[in-house]
Amino acid sequence: MTDMDHHGDHDDEGMELEERLRAIAEQLDPVPAGLFDEAMLAYSLRTLDAELAELTFDSWDEATATRVRGGRARLLTFTAGELVVELEVADRRLVGRLSGGPAAIEVQRRDGGTRLRADELGRFTTGELSPGPLRLRVSPEHRAPVVTSWIRI
C-alpha cells in the first residue's frame, strides 16, 4: 500500500464519518420548517451585480439625535456613492425620492416583487404593502443598479 492509498482511505473514512454525523444531527436537531427555504431565497436574492446602498439615516434609530418622536411615519435615507434614496414609510406605503432622476425600481419581497418607475424628479410611491421585510432595487438610467438593505414595514 502506498502512502497515497493510505491517505485516500482516511479521506473516505472522514467523509463517511461526516455523513453519519450529519444524519444524526438531522435526527436530533432538525432544521426548523421553512428556514431552509428562507435561507435559499435570501441567497438567491443577493445581487452581485448591484451596489449596496448604506442606510445612513433612520428616524426610528434611537442613536440618531434627530429621532422623530411620536410620529407614525418612518424616514429612511440610503446612500450609494452619489445616489441618495430617501423613503417615507407610513400606513404600509412607501413614498420616495432619488437624487438621480428617473429610474426603474423593484420592491423586493420574499414572495416576489413589485415594479415601479421614478419620474424625472426621482419621485415614486407604492400602494399599500403587506407587513414584512422588503428592500428596493434601484436601476437609474445612467448608472449601475443599487439595492438597499432589508427593512421591515
C-alpha atoms as a PDB file:
ATOM      1  CA  MET A   1       0.000   0.000   0.000  1.00  0.00           C
ATOM      2  CA  THR A   2       1.460   3.324  -0.997  1.00  0.00           C
ATOM      3  CA  ASP A   3       1.389   6.448   1.136  1.00  0.00           C
ATOM      4  CA  MET A   4      -1.198   7.933  -1.236  1.00  0.00           C
ATOM      5  CA  ASP A   5      -3.523   4.953  -0.877  1.00  0.00           C
ATOM      6  CA  HIS A   6      -3.274   5.264   2.863  1.00  0.00           C
ATOM      7  CA  HIS A   7      -4.356   8.942   2.754  1.00  0.00           C
ATOM      8  CA  GLY A   8      -7.194   8.076   0.377  1.00  0.00           C
ATOM      9  CA  ASP A   9      -8.597   5.609   2.942  1.00  0.00           C
ATOM     10  CA  HIS A  10      -8.549   8.325   5.619  1.00  0.00           C
ATOM     11  CA  ASP A  11     -10.398  10.722   3.318  1.00  0.00           C
ATOM     12  CA  ASP A  12     -13.094   8.093   2.655  1.00  0.00           C
ATOM     13  CA  GLU A  13     -13.394   7.347   6.381  1.00  0.00           C
ATOM     14  CA  GLY A  14     -13.621  11.058   7.152  1.00  0.00           C
ATOM     15  CA  MET A  15     -16.366  11.550   4.570  1.00  0.00           C
ATOM     16  CA  GLU A  16     -18.275   8.531   5.918  1.00  0.00           C
ATOM     17  CA  LEU A  17     -17.997   9.867   9.450  1.00  0.00           C
ATOM     18  CA  GLU A  18     -19.157  13.323   8.302  1.00  0.00           C
ATOM     19  CA  GLU A  19     -22.210  11.811   6.588  1.00  0.00           C
ATOM     20  CA  ARG A  20     -23.089   9.774   9.707  1.00  0.00           C
ATOM     21  CA  LEU A  21     -22.725  12.884  11.895  1.00  0.00           C
ATOM     22  CA  ARG A  22     -24.949  14.889   9.519  1.00  0.00           C
ATOM     23  CA  ALA A  23     -27.636  12.175   9.686  1.00  0.00           C
ATOM     24  CA  ILE A  24     -27.501  12.119  13.493  1.00  0.00           C
ATOM     25  CA  ALA A  25     -27.661  15.923  13.712  1.00  0.00           C
ATOM     26  CA  GLU A  26     -30.661  15.951  11.362  1.00  0.00           C
ATOM     27  CA  GLN A  27     -32.480  13.463  13.616  1.00  0.00           C
ATOM     28  CA  LEU A  28     -31.573  15.107  16.919  1.00  0.00           C
ATOM     29  CA  ASP A  29     -31.749  18.775  15.867  1.00  0.00           C
ATOM     30  CA  PRO A  30     -33.571  19.142  12.539  1.00  0.00           C
ATOM     31  CA  VAL A  31     -33.595  22.419  10.644  1.00  0.00           C
ATOM     32  CA  PRO A  32     -36.856  24.269  11.529  1.00  0.00           C
ATOM     33  CA  ALA A  33     -39.578  24.053   8.885  1.00  0.00           C
ATOM     34  CA  GLY A  34     -39.292  26.848   6.362  1.00  0.00           C
ATOM     35  CA  LEU A  35     -35.836  28.013   7.485  1.00  0.00           C
ATOM     36  CA  PHE A  36     -34.037  26.237   4.670  1.00  0.00           C
ATOM     37  CA  ASP A  37     -36.424  27.730   2.083  1.00  0.00           C
ATOM     38  CA  GLU A  38     -35.970  31.228   3.548  1.00  0.00           C
ATOM     39  CA  ALA A  39     -32.191  30.845   3.564  1.00  0.00           C
ATOM     40  CA  MET A  40     -32.192  29.704  -0.049  1.00  0.00           C
ATOM     41  CA  LEU A  41     -34.459  32.590  -1.029  1.00  0.00           C
ATOM     42  CA  ALA A  42     -32.188  35.079   0.725  1.00  0.00           C
ATOM     43  CA  TYR A  43     -29.221  33.570  -1.084  1.00  0.00           C
ATOM     44  CA  SER A  44     -30.973  33.736  -4.448  1.00  0.00           C
ATOM     45  CA  LEU A  45     -31.980  37.367  -3.896  1.00  0.00           C
ATOM     46  CA  ARG A  46     -28.422  38.510  -3.305  1.00  0.00           C
ATOM     47  CA  THR A  47     -27.247  40.766  -6.047  1.00  0.00           C
ATOM     48  CA  LEU A  48     -23.693  40.595  -7.155  1.00  0.00           C
ATOM     49  CA  ASP A  49     -24.427  42.996  -9.986  1.00  0.00           C
ATOM     50  CA  ALA A  50     -25.701  45.811  -7.774  1.00  0.00           C
ATOM     51  CA  GLU A  51     -24.024  48.110  -5.283  1.00  0.00           C
ATOM     52  CA  LEU A  52     -25.378  48.024  -1.725  1.00  0.00           C
ATOM     53  CA  ALA A  53     -26.844  51.333  -0.603  1.00  0.00           C
ATOM     54  CA  GLU A  54     -25.867  52.012   3.005  1.00  0.00           C
ATOM     55  CA  LEU A  55     -28.574  53.067   5.472  1.00  0.00           C
ATOM     56  CA  THR A  56     -27.353  56.488   6.582  1.00  0.00           C
ATOM     57  CA  PHE A  57     -30.446  57.721   8.446  1.00  0.00           C
ATOM     58  CA  ASP A  58     -33.384  56.030  10.182  1.00  0.00           C
ATOM     59  CA  SER A  59     -35.800  58.194  12.165  1.00  0.00           C
ATOM     60  CA  TRP A  60     -36.620  55.166  14.337  1.00  0.00           C
ATOM     61  CA  ASP A  61     -32.969  54.655  15.300  1.00  0.00           C
ATOM     62  CA  GLU A  62     -32.623  55.590  18.960  1.00  0.00           C
ATOM     63  CA  ALA A  63     -28.974  56.514  18.413  1.00  0.00           C
ATOM     64  CA  THR A  64     -29.983  59.246  15.990  1.00  0.00           C
ATOM     65  CA  ALA A  65     -30.070  62.574  17.791  1.00  0.00           C
ATOM     66  CA  THR A  66     -32.744  63.891  15.432  1.00  0.00           C
ATOM     67  CA  ARG A  67     -35.139  60.995  16.045  1.00  0.00           C
ATOM     68  CA  VAL A  68     -38.710  61.856  15.156  1.00  0.00           C
ATOM     69  CA  ARG A  69     -40.687  61.021  18.271  1.00  0.00           C
ATOM     70  CA  GLY A  70     -44.349  60.212  18.306  1.00  0.00           C
ATOM     71  CA  GLY A  71     -44.710  60.368  14.522  1.00  0.00           C
ATOM     72  CA  ARG A  72     -46.173  57.440  12.653  1.00  0.00           C
ATOM     73  CA  ALA A  73     -44.020  57.902   9.567  1.00  0.00           C
ATOM     74  CA  ARG A  74     -40.577  56.374   9.398  1.00  0.00           C
ATOM     75  CA  LEU A  75     -37.969  58.301   7.427  1.00  0.00           C
ATOM     76  CA  LEU A  76     -35.030  56.434   5.881  1.00  0.00           C
ATOM     77  CA  THR A  77     -32.068  57.518   3.785  1.00  0.00           C
ATOM     78  CA  PHE A  78     -29.849  55.122   1.833  1.00  0.00           C
ATOM     79  CA  THR A  79     -26.651  56.251   0.130  1.00  0.00           C
ATOM     80  CA  ALA A  80     -24.561  54.603  -2.580  1.00  0.00           C
ATOM     81  CA  GLY A  81     -21.923  56.948  -3.957  1.00  0.00           C
ATOM     82  CA  GLU A  82     -23.744  59.964  -5.369  1.00  0.00           C
ATOM     83  CA  LEU A  83     -27.132  58.227  -5.404  1.00  0.00           C
ATOM     84  CA  VAL A  84     -29.356  59.003  -2.422  1.00  0.00           C
ATOM     85  CA  VAL A  85     -32.649  57.172  -1.822  1.00  0.00           C
ATOM     86  CA  GLU A  86     -34.990  58.917   0.630  1.00  0.00           C
ATOM     87  CA  LEU A  87     -38.024  56.985   1.857  1.00  0.00           C
ATOM     88  CA  GLU A  88     -41.029  57.775   3.981  1.00  0.00           C
ATOM     89  CA  VAL A  89     -42.816  54.689   5.272  1.00  0.00           C
ATOM     90  CA  ALA A  90     -46.341  55.437   6.514  1.00  0.00           C
ATOM     91  CA  ASP A  91     -49.501  53.322   6.574  1.00  0.00           C
ATOM     92  CA  ARG A  92     -47.543  50.497   4.869  1.00  0.00           C
ATOM     93  CA  ARG A  93     -46.902  52.670   1.813  1.00  0.00           C
ATOM     94  CA  LEU A  94     -43.577  53.965   0.530  1.00  0.00           C
ATOM     95  CA  VAL A  95     -43.117  57.485  -0.771  1.00  0.00           C
ATOM     96  CA  GLY A  96     -39.636  58.035  -2.095  1.00  0.00           C
ATOM     97  CA  ARG A  97     -37.256  60.295  -3.921  1.00  0.00           C
ATOM     98  CA  LEU A  98     -33.996  59.515  -5.701  1.00  0.00           C
ATOM     99  CA  SER A  99     -31.248  62.033  -6.213  1.00  0.00           C
ATOM    100  CA  GLY A 100     -30.553  60.728  -9.705  1.00  0.00           C
ATOM    101  CA  GLY A 101     -33.786  61.343 -11.598  1.00  0.00           C
ATOM    102  CA  PRO A 102     -35.719  58.655 -13.459  1.00  0.00           C
ATOM    103  CA  ALA A 103     -35.122  55.011 -12.583  1.00  0.00           C
ATOM    104  CA  ALA A 104     -36.710  51.581 -12.609  1.00  0.00           C
ATOM    105  CA  ILE A 105     -37.442  50.403  -9.076  1.00  0.00           C
ATOM    106  CA  GLU A 106     -38.353  46.978  -7.782  1.00  0.00           C
ATOM    107  CA  VAL A 107     -39.756  46.495  -4.291  1.00  0.00           C
ATOM    108  CA  GLN A 108     -38.378  43.034  -3.489  1.00  0.00           C
ATOM    109  CA  ARG A 109     -40.220  40.766  -1.031  1.00  0.00           C
ATOM    110  CA  ARG A 110     -39.825  37.137  -0.047  1.00  0.00           C
ATOM    111  CA  ASP A 111     -42.724  36.205  -2.286  1.00  0.00           C
ATOM    112  CA  GLY A 112     -41.778  38.293  -5.317  1.00  0.00           C
ATOM    113  CA  GLY A 113     -41.500  41.906  -6.334  1.00  0.00           C
ATOM    114  CA  THR A 114     -43.410  44.964  -7.465  1.00  0.00           C
ATOM    115  CA  ARG A 115     -42.015  47.130 -10.238  1.00  0.00           C
ATOM    116  CA  LEU A 116     -42.284  50.929 -10.131  1.00  0.00           C
ATOM    117  CA  ARG A 117     -40.857  53.855 -12.030  1.00  0.00           C
ATOM    118  CA  ALA A 118     -39.345  57.022 -10.532  1.00  0.00           C
ATOM    119  CA  ASP A 119     -40.273  60.131 -12.520  1.00  0.00           C
ATOM    120  CA  GLU A 120     -37.896  62.782 -13.896  1.00  0.00           C
ATOM    121  CA  LEU A 121     -37.551  64.296 -10.427  1.00  0.00           C
ATOM    122  CA  GLY A 122     -36.812  60.878  -8.895  1.00  0.00           C
ATOM    123  CA  ARG A 123     -40.195  60.603  -7.129  1.00  0.00           C
ATOM    124  CA  PHE A 124     -42.073  57.336  -6.669  1.00  0.00           C
ATOM    125  CA  THR A 125     -44.792  55.841  -4.471  1.00  0.00           C
ATOM    126  CA  THR A 126     -46.278  52.419  -3.794  1.00  0.00           C
ATOM    127  CA  GLY A 127     -49.722  51.224  -2.929  1.00  0.00           C
ATOM    128  CA  GLU A 128     -50.314  49.594   0.441  1.00  0.00           C
ATOM    129  CA  LEU A 129     -47.827  46.813   1.098  1.00  0.00           C
ATOM    130  CA  SER A 130     -48.268  43.782   3.324  1.00  0.00           C
ATOM    131  CA  PRO A 131     -46.239  43.783   6.555  1.00  0.00           C
ATOM    132  CA  GLY A 132     -42.824  42.169   6.456  1.00  0.00           C
ATOM    133  CA  PRO A 133     -39.309  42.633   5.146  1.00  0.00           C
ATOM    134  CA  LEU A 134     -38.546  44.372   1.857  1.00  0.00           C
ATOM    135  CA  ARG A 135     -35.763  46.080   0.025  1.00  0.00           C
ATOM    136  CA  LEU A 136     -35.515  48.269  -3.042  1.00  0.00           C
ATOM    137  CA  ARG A 137     -33.534  47.575  -6.171  1.00  0.00           C
ATOM    138  CA  VAL A 138     -32.997  50.883  -7.939  1.00  0.00           C
ATOM    139  CA  SER A 139     -31.814  50.918 -11.557  1.00  0.00           C
ATOM    140  CA  PRO A 140     -31.079  54.526 -12.592  1.00  0.00           C
ATOM    141  CA  GLU A 141     -30.889  55.209 -16.308  1.00  0.00           C
ATOM    142  CA  HIS A 142     -27.213  56.213 -16.304  1.00  0.00           C
ATOM    143  CA  ARG A 143     -25.527  54.123 -13.625  1.00  0.00           C
ATOM    144  CA  ALA A 144     -25.263  50.617 -12.196  1.00  0.00           C
ATOM    145  CA  PRO A 145     -28.149  49.222 -10.100  1.00  0.00           C
ATOM    146  CA  VAL A 146     -28.226  49.706  -6.342  1.00  0.00           C
ATOM    147  CA  VAL A 147     -30.018  47.692  -3.651  1.00  0.00           C
ATOM    148  CA  THR A 148     -30.967  48.891  -0.187  1.00  0.00           C
ATOM    149  CA  SER A 149     -30.583  46.778   2.900  1.00  0.00           C
ATOM    150  CA  TRP A 150     -33.712  44.956   4.096  1.00  0.00           C
ATOM    151  CA  ILE A 151     -36.218  46.906   6.171  1.00  0.00           C
ATOM    152  CA  ARG A 152     -39.390  45.725   7.870  1.00  0.00           C
ATOM    153  CA  ILE A 153     -42.692  47.502   7.466  1.00  0.00           C
END
